[in-house]
C-alpha atoms as a PDB file:
ATOM      1  CA  MET A   1      48.302 128.709   9.873  1.00  0.00           C
ATOM      2  CA  THR A   2      51.031 129.681   7.633  1.00  0.00           C
ATOM      3  CA  GLU A   3      54.653 130.712   8.606  1.00  0.00           C
ATOM      4  CA  GLN A   4      54.171 133.696   7.025  1.00  0.00           C
ATOM      5  CA  GLY A   5      50.653 134.262   8.804  1.00  0.00           C
ATOM      6  CA  SER A   6      52.016 133.378  11.840  1.00  0.00           C
ATOM      7  CA  ASP A   7      54.989 136.115  12.034  1.00  0.00           C
ATOM      8  CA  GLY A   8      52.175 138.518  10.953  1.00  0.00           C
ATOM      9  CA  ALA A   9      50.220 137.987  13.633  1.00  0.00           C
ATOM     10  CA  VAL A  10      53.219 137.828  15.931  1.00  0.00           C
ATOM     11  CA  GLN A  11      54.169 141.351  14.627  1.00  0.00           C
ATOM     12  CA  ARG A  12      50.925 142.904  15.175  1.00  0.00           C
ATOM     13  CA  ALA A  13      50.793 141.499  18.610  1.00  0.00           C
ATOM     14  CA  GLU A  14      54.317 143.377  19.131  1.00  0.00           C
ATOM     15  CA  LYS A  15      52.921 146.230  17.667  1.00  0.00           C
ATOM     16  CA  ARG A  16      49.177 146.212  20.183  1.00  0.00           C
ATOM     17  CA  VAL A  17      51.687 145.444  22.998  1.00  0.00           C
ATOM     18  CA  LYS A  18      54.078 148.520  22.569  1.00  0.00           C
ATOM     19  CA  LYS A  19      51.144 150.389  22.058  1.00  0.00           C
ATOM     20  CA  VAL A  20      49.318 149.865  25.669  1.00  0.00           C
ATOM     21  CA  ARG A  21      52.692 149.737  26.780  1.00  0.00           C
ATOM     22  CA  ASP A  22      52.945 153.797  25.592  1.00  0.00           C
ATOM     23  CA  PHE A  23      49.274 154.335  26.599  1.00  0.00           C
ATOM     24  CA  TYR A  24      50.411 153.413  30.166  1.00  0.00           C
ATOM     25  CA  GLY A  25      53.434 155.346  30.008  1.00  0.00           C
ATOM     26  CA  ASN A  26      51.719 158.654  29.146  1.00  0.00           C
ATOM     27  CA  LEU A  27      48.780 158.338  31.319  1.00  0.00           C
ATOM     28  CA  LEU A  28      51.524 157.942  34.267  1.00  0.00           C
ATOM     29  CA  ALA A  29      53.183 160.378  33.059  1.00  0.00           C
ATOM     30  CA  TYR A  30      49.722 162.455  33.132  1.00  0.00           C
ATOM     31  CA  LEU A  31      49.119 161.863  36.140  1.00  0.00           C
ATOM     32  CA  ILE A  32      52.364 162.463  37.789  1.00  0.00           C
ATOM     33  CA  VAL A  33      52.631 166.034  36.146  1.00  0.00           C
ATOM     34  CA  ASN A  34      49.064 167.610  36.849  1.00  0.00           C
ATOM     35  CA  THR A  35      49.672 166.328  40.518  1.00  0.00           C
ATOM     36  CA  ILE A  36      52.467 167.852  41.025  1.00  0.00           C
ATOM     37  CA  LEU A  37      50.983 171.340  38.846  1.00  0.00           C
ATOM     38  CA  VAL A  38      47.785 170.968  41.155  1.00  0.00           C
ATOM     39  CA  LEU A  39      50.412 171.190  44.155  1.00  0.00           C
ATOM     40  CA  ILE A  40      51.854 173.749  43.335  1.00  0.00           C
ATOM     41  CA  ASP A  41      48.960 176.052  41.883  1.00  0.00           C
ATOM     42  CA  LEU A  42      47.842 175.300  46.031  1.00  0.00           C
ATOM     43  CA  ALA A  43      50.806 176.206  47.489  1.00  0.00           C
ATOM     44  CA  ASP A  44      51.222 179.553  45.977  1.00  0.00           C
ATOM     45  CA  GLY A  45      47.892 180.786  47.271  1.00  0.00           C
ATOM     46  CA  ALA A  46      45.190 180.796  45.060  1.00  0.00           C
ATOM     47  CA  GLY A  47      42.365 183.499  45.605  1.00  0.00           C
ATOM     48  CA  ASP A  48      38.989 183.532  46.989  1.00  0.00           C
ATOM     49  CA  ASP A  49      37.947 183.508  43.842  1.00  0.00           C
ATOM     50  CA  ALA A  50      39.732 180.488  42.327  1.00  0.00           C
ATOM     51  CA  PHE A  51      37.685 177.776  40.890  1.00  0.00           C
ATOM     52  CA  LEU A  52      38.035 174.443  43.137  1.00  0.00           C
ATOM     53  CA  GLY A  53      41.268 176.855  44.709  1.00  0.00           C
ATOM     54  CA  LEU A  54      42.849 176.389  41.551  1.00  0.00           C
ATOM     55  CA  ASP A  55      43.694 179.543  39.738  1.00  0.00           C
ATOM     56  CA  TRP A  56      45.693 177.939  36.450  1.00  0.00           C
ATOM     57  CA  ALA A  57      45.975 173.911  37.390  1.00  0.00           C
ATOM     58  CA  TYR A  58      42.655 173.022  35.451  1.00  0.00           C
ATOM     59  CA  PHE A  59      44.078 174.295  32.141  1.00  0.00           C
ATOM     60  CA  PRO A  60      46.549 171.747  31.412  1.00  0.00           C
ATOM     61  CA  ILE A  61      44.721 168.659  33.025  1.00  0.00           C
ATOM     62  CA  ILE A  62      42.219 169.257  31.175  1.00  0.00           C
ATOM     63  CA  GLY A  63      43.933 170.361  27.816  1.00  0.00           C
ATOM     64  CA  TRP A  64      45.968 167.479  28.108  1.00  0.00           C
ATOM     65  CA  GLY A  65      43.001 165.391  29.735  1.00  0.00           C
ATOM     66  CA  ILE A  66      41.864 165.441  26.438  1.00  0.00           C
ATOM     67  CA  PHE A  67      44.290 163.749  24.246  1.00  0.00           C
ATOM     68  CA  VAL A  68      44.904 161.604  27.214  1.00  0.00           C
ATOM     69  CA  ILE A  69      41.079 160.212  26.501  1.00  0.00           C
ATOM     70  CA  LEU A  70      41.566 160.185  22.341  1.00  0.00           C
ATOM     71  CA  ASP A  71      44.838 158.117  23.342  1.00  0.00           C
ATOM     72  CA  ALA A  72      42.906 155.290  25.192  1.00  0.00           C
ATOM     73  CA  ILE A  73      40.221 155.832  22.353  1.00  0.00           C
ATOM     74  CA  ALA A  74      42.793 154.893  19.606  1.00  0.00           C
ATOM     75  CA  THR A  75      44.594 152.220  21.805  1.00  0.00           C
ATOM     76  CA  PHE A  76      42.107 150.290  22.925  1.00  0.00           C
ATOM     77  CA  GLY A  77      39.345 150.595  19.934  1.00  0.00           C
ATOM     78  CA  PHE A  78      36.630 152.378  21.375  1.00  0.00           C
ATOM     79  CA  GLY A  79      36.497 153.694  17.870  1.00  0.00           C
ATOM     80  CA  SER A  80      38.093 150.740  16.116  1.00  0.00           C
ATOM     81  CA  ARG A  81      34.428 150.169  14.535  1.00  0.00           C
ATOM     82  CA  PHE A  82      34.867 153.037  12.519  1.00  0.00           C
ATOM     83  CA  PHE A  83      39.009 153.155  11.869  1.00  0.00           C
ATOM     84  CA  GLY A  84      40.611 150.327  13.441  1.00  0.00           C
ATOM     85  CA  THR A  85      42.139 147.199  11.371  1.00  0.00           C
ATOM     86  CA  ALA A  86      38.707 146.265   9.858  1.00  0.00           C
ATOM     87  CA  TRP A  87      38.324 149.235   8.980  1.00  0.00           C
ATOM     88  CA  GLU A  88      41.899 149.102   7.484  1.00  0.00           C
ATOM     89  CA  GLU A  89      41.153 146.289   5.508  1.00  0.00           C
ATOM     90  CA  ARG A  90      37.620 146.803   4.804  1.00  0.00           C
ATOM     91  CA  LYS A  91      39.294 149.913   2.656  1.00  0.00           C
ATOM     92  CA  LEU A  92      42.332 148.468   1.478  1.00  0.00           C
ATOM     93  CA  ARG A  93      39.575 145.572  -0.490  1.00  0.00           C
ATOM     94  CA  GLU A  94      37.977 148.607  -1.717  1.00  0.00           C
ATOM     95  CA  TYR A  95      40.369 150.410  -3.056  1.00  0.00           C
ATOM     96  CA  THR A  96      42.164 147.713  -4.124  1.00  0.00           C
ATOM     97  CA  GLU A  97      38.315 146.411  -6.066  1.00  0.00           C
ATOM     98  CA  GLN A  98      38.905 150.225  -7.552  1.00  0.00           C
ATOM     99  CA  GLU A  99      42.121 149.873  -9.126  1.00  0.00           C
ATOM    100  CA  ARG A 100      41.502 146.790 -10.833  1.00  0.00           C
ATOM    101  CA  ARG A 101      38.357 147.980 -12.508  1.00  0.00           C
ATOM    102  CA  ARG A 102      40.081 151.276 -13.590  1.00  0.00           C
ATOM    103  CA  GLN A 103      42.858 148.757 -14.829  1.00  0.00           C
ATOM    104  CA  TYR A 104      41.389 146.120 -16.740  1.00  0.00           C
ATOM    105  CA  PRO A 105      37.330 147.793 -16.956  1.00  0.00           C
ATOM    106  CA  TYR A 106      36.534 145.131 -18.956  1.00  0.00           C
ATOM    107  CA  THR A 107      36.522 141.961 -17.542  1.00  0.00           C
END
């Protein structure tokens, strides 16, 4: 592997580590904040008609939870087959080839 290739691999690895670290920070914040919201909701005396004893806490749990799931998909590559690095490289090659053909149509 060339020196430049090695540097690129290190930069990609650092970027990936930061992305995973950020995901776990977001997940921790989600768990802490929503636990506090559930405790507040339970403590304020939810009525008998409340779902699972909660009046409003499930709204931020579900709403924020959707974004945590999307972040997990982006971080751990469940959708990488469609929009990951391989997809980016494939599209880059495709667009580069299109530009070459556009620029030099008779070669």
